[in-house]
C-alpha atoms as a PDB file:
ATOM      1  CA  UNK A   1      89.549  96.123 112.883  1.00  0.00           C
ATOM      2  CA  UNK A   2      92.735  94.822 111.269  1.00  0.00           C
ATOM      3  CA  UNK A   3      94.114  94.885 107.751  1.00  0.00           C
ATOM      4  CA  UNK A   4      95.337  92.165 105.430  1.00  0.00           C
ATOM      5  CA  UNK A   5      97.347  92.744 102.257  1.00  0.00           C
ATOM      6  CA  UNK A   6      98.625  90.594  99.425  1.00  0.00           C
ATOM      7  CA  UNK A   7     100.532  92.150  96.550  1.00  0.00           C
ATOM      8  CA  UNK A   8     101.812  90.583  93.388  1.00  0.00           C
ATOM      9  CA  UNK A   9     103.530  92.417  90.557  1.00  0.00           C
ATOM     10  CA  UNK A  10     100.280  92.971  88.641  1.00  0.00           C
ATOM     11  CA  UNK A  11      97.594  92.762  91.358  1.00  0.00           C
ATOM     12  CA  UNK A  12      96.898  94.143  94.798  1.00  0.00           C
ATOM     13  CA  UNK A  13      94.451  92.464  97.161  1.00  0.00           C
ATOM     14  CA  UNK A  14      93.500  94.319 100.332  1.00  0.00           C
ATOM     15  CA  UNK A  15      91.008  93.406 102.997  1.00  0.00           C
ATOM     16  CA  UNK A  16      89.743  94.618 106.320  1.00  0.00           C
ATOM     17  CA  UNK A  17      89.193  92.108 109.094  1.00  0.00           C
ATOM     18  CA  UNK A  18      86.938  92.297 112.111  1.00  0.00           C
ATOM     19  CA  UNK A  19      87.380  89.603 114.766  1.00  0.00           C
ATOM     20  CA  UNK A  20      89.347  87.583 112.222  1.00  0.00           C
ATOM     21  CA  UNK A  21      86.608  87.674 109.569  1.00  0.00           C
ATOM     22  CA  UNK A  22      86.952  89.533 106.269  1.00  0.00           C
ATOM     23  CA  UNK A  23      84.451  92.414 106.153  1.00  0.00           C
ATOM     24  CA  UNK A  24      85.737  94.458 103.181  1.00  0.00           C
ATOM     25  CA  UNK A  25      87.945  93.706 100.179  1.00  0.00           C
ATOM     26  CA  UNK A  26      89.366  95.306  97.055  1.00  0.00           C
ATOM     27  CA  UNK A  27      91.266  93.872  94.114  1.00  0.00           C
ATOM     28  CA  UNK A  28      93.107  96.165  91.714  1.00  0.00           C
ATOM     29  CA  UNK A  29      95.089  95.186  88.626  1.00  0.00           C
ATOM     30  CA  UNK A  30      97.910  97.072  86.948  1.00  0.00           C
ATOM     31  CA  UNK A  31      97.570  97.764  83.247  1.00  0.00           C
ATOM     32  CA  UNK A  32     100.059  99.305  80.839  1.00  0.00           C
ATOM     33  CA  UNK A  33      99.449 102.921  81.893  1.00  0.00           C
ATOM     34  CA  UNK A  34      96.443 102.656  84.186  1.00  0.00           C
ATOM     35  CA  UNK A  35      94.978 100.379  86.844  1.00  0.00           C
ATOM     36  CA  UNK A  36      91.546  98.820  87.125  1.00  0.00           C
ATOM     37  CA  UNK A  37      89.510  97.968  90.182  1.00  0.00           C
ATOM     38  CA  UNK A  38      88.241  94.467  89.544  1.00  0.00           C
ATOM     39  CA  UNK A  39      86.302  94.036  92.749  1.00  0.00           C
ATOM     40  CA  UNK A  40      85.391  96.012  95.844  1.00  0.00           C
ATOM     41  CA  UNK A  41      82.948  94.848  98.476  1.00  0.00           C
ATOM     42  CA  UNK A  42      81.933  95.582 102.043  1.00  0.00           C
ATOM     43  CA  UNK A  43      79.633  93.362 104.064  1.00  0.00           C
ATOM     44  CA  UNK A  44      76.264  95.067 104.660  1.00  0.00           C
ATOM     45  CA  UNK A  45      76.865  94.964 108.432  1.00  0.00           C
ATOM     46  CA  UNK A  46      80.059  97.022 108.015  1.00  0.00           C
ATOM     47  CA  UNK A  47      78.976  99.590 105.434  1.00  0.00           C
ATOM     48  CA  UNK A  48      79.086 103.350 106.053  1.00  0.00           C
ATOM     49  CA  UNK A  49      82.145 102.999 108.296  1.00  0.00           C
ATOM     50  CA  UNK A  50      84.689 104.300 105.768  1.00  0.00           C
ATOM     51  CA  UNK A  51      86.152 100.889 104.936  1.00  0.00           C
ATOM     52  CA  UNK A  52      85.653 101.089 101.164  1.00  0.00           C
ATOM     53  CA  UNK A  53      86.967 104.646 101.101  1.00  0.00           C
ATOM     54  CA  UNK A  54      90.110 103.612 102.983  1.00  0.00           C
ATOM     55  CA  UNK A  55      90.616 100.645 100.636  1.00  0.00           C
ATOM     56  CA  UNK A  56      90.291 102.973  97.646  1.00  0.00           C
ATOM     57  CA  UNK A  57      92.874 105.347  99.144  1.00  0.00           C
ATOM     58  CA  UNK A  58      95.348 102.483  99.559  1.00  0.00           C
ATOM     59  CA  UNK A  59      94.655 101.265  96.030  1.00  0.00           C
ATOM     60  CA  UNK A  60      95.334 104.789  94.699  1.00  0.00           C
ATOM     61  CA  UNK A  61      98.639 104.880  96.614  1.00  0.00           C
ATOM     62  CA  UNK A  62      99.623 101.505  95.130  1.00  0.00           C
ATOM     63  CA  UNK A  63      98.749 102.711  91.625  1.00  0.00           C
ATOM     64  CA  UNK A  64     100.824 105.874  92.135  1.00  0.00           C
ATOM     65  CA  UNK A  65     103.795 103.818  93.344  1.00  0.00           C
ATOM     66  CA  UNK A  66     103.548 101.856  90.098  1.00  0.00           C
ATOM     67  CA  UNK A  67     103.390 105.073  88.026  1.00  0.00           C
ATOM     68  CA  UNK A  68      99.818 104.513  86.800  1.00  0.00           C
ATOM     69  CA  UNK A  69      98.024 107.561  85.392  1.00  0.00           C
ATOM     70  CA  UNK A  70      94.436 106.640  86.285  1.00  0.00           C
ATOM     71  CA  UNK A  71      92.241 104.057  87.980  1.00  0.00           C
ATOM     72  CA  UNK A  72      89.177 102.679  86.172  1.00  0.00           C
ATOM     73  CA  UNK A  73      86.143 100.689  87.272  1.00  0.00           C
ATOM     74  CA  UNK A  74      82.705  99.576  86.148  1.00  0.00           C
ATOM     75  CA  UNK A  75      79.707  99.864  88.440  1.00  0.00           C
ATOM     76  CA  UNK A  76      76.087  98.839  88.038  1.00  0.00           C
ATOM     77  CA  UNK A  77      74.038 101.842  86.920  1.00  0.00           C
ATOM     78  CA  UNK A  78      71.533 101.133  89.697  1.00  0.00           C
ATOM     79  CA  UNK A  79      74.086 100.938  92.517  1.00  0.00           C
ATOM     80  CA  UNK A  80      73.517 104.448  93.847  1.00  0.00           C
ATOM     81  CA  UNK A  81      75.471 103.917  97.084  1.00  0.00           C
ATOM     82  CA  UNK A  82      78.611 102.820  95.222  1.00  0.00           C
ATOM     83  CA  UNK A  83      78.262 105.539  92.577  1.00  0.00           C
ATOM     84  CA  UNK A  84      77.952 108.184  95.297  1.00  0.00           C
ATOM     85  CA  UNK A  85      81.060 106.819  97.044  1.00  0.00           C
ATOM     86  CA  UNK A  86      83.047 106.828  93.819  1.00  0.00           C
ATOM     87  CA  UNK A  87      81.994 110.375  92.945  1.00  0.00           C
ATOM     88  CA  UNK A  88      82.799 111.548  96.475  1.00  0.00           C
ATOM     89  CA  UNK A  89      86.221 109.928  96.108  1.00  0.00           C
ATOM     90  CA  UNK A  90      86.915 111.749  92.821  1.00  0.00           C
ATOM     91  CA  UNK A  91      85.821 109.334  90.100  1.00  0.00           C
ATOM     92  CA  UNK A  92      84.032 110.756  87.060  1.00  0.00           C
ATOM     93  CA  UNK A  93      81.760 108.885  84.688  1.00  0.00           C
ATOM     94  CA  UNK A  94      83.359 108.409  81.279  1.00  0.00           C
ATOM     95  CA  UNK A  95      80.801 106.256  79.476  1.00  0.00           C
ATOM     96  CA  UNK A  96      78.017 103.698  79.794  1.00  0.00           C
ATOM     97  CA  UNK A  97      78.183 100.070  78.717  1.00  0.00           C
ATOM     98  CA  UNK A  98      74.665  99.117  77.712  1.00  0.00           C
ATOM     99  CA  UNK A  99      73.360  95.770  78.986  1.00  0.00           C
ATOM    100  CA  UNK A 100      76.825  94.955  80.369  1.00  0.00           C
ATOM    101  CA  UNK A 101      75.670  92.607  83.127  1.00  0.00           C
ATOM    102  CA  UNK A 102      74.028  89.215  82.569  1.00  0.00           C
ATOM    103  CA  UNK A 103      70.698  90.546  83.862  1.00  0.00           C
ATOM    104  CA  UNK A 104      70.755  93.340  81.266  1.00  0.00           C
ATOM    105  CA  UNK A 105      71.684  96.188  83.602  1.00  0.00           C
ATOM    106  CA  UNK A 106      73.982  98.898  82.249  1.00  0.00           C
ATOM    107  CA  UNK A 107      77.449  99.557  83.667  1.00  0.00           C
ATOM    108  CA  UNK A 108      78.891 103.004  84.219  1.00  0.00           C
ATOM    109  CA  UNK A 109      82.577 103.285  83.346  1.00  0.00           C
ATOM    110  CA  UNK A 110      84.287 105.597  85.831  1.00  0.00           C
ATOM    111  CA  UNK A 111      87.807 107.013  85.986  1.00  0.00           C
ATOM    112  CA  UNK A 112      89.941 108.473  88.763  1.00  0.00           C
ATOM    113  CA  UNK A 113      92.913 110.477  87.493  1.00  0.00           C
ATOM    114  CA  UNK A 114      96.014 110.136  89.662  1.00  0.00           C
END
């Protein structure tokens, strides 16, 4: 497993590679005081190996280096695996966005305080 990183002033893109193929990614954006995770994904064949958790840890470090106070994200209300990961990592649910997704599913708004 290898890592790949791309950082711009306002965004951080991280990925994990296996045999040269991307198997996990995260994109985080800097806001005024906080940061927001725009995307995080792990291929089904590579889940439950700690990849997403390690990407989150690196994203938190990046946000701290840029003096952000918190990290925010939205997650599908029915995505129990992701919600459990986020809670285990320290995120707390702040609110719900009703019918947020095109298919009508709610989104949970979650926050990690740095």
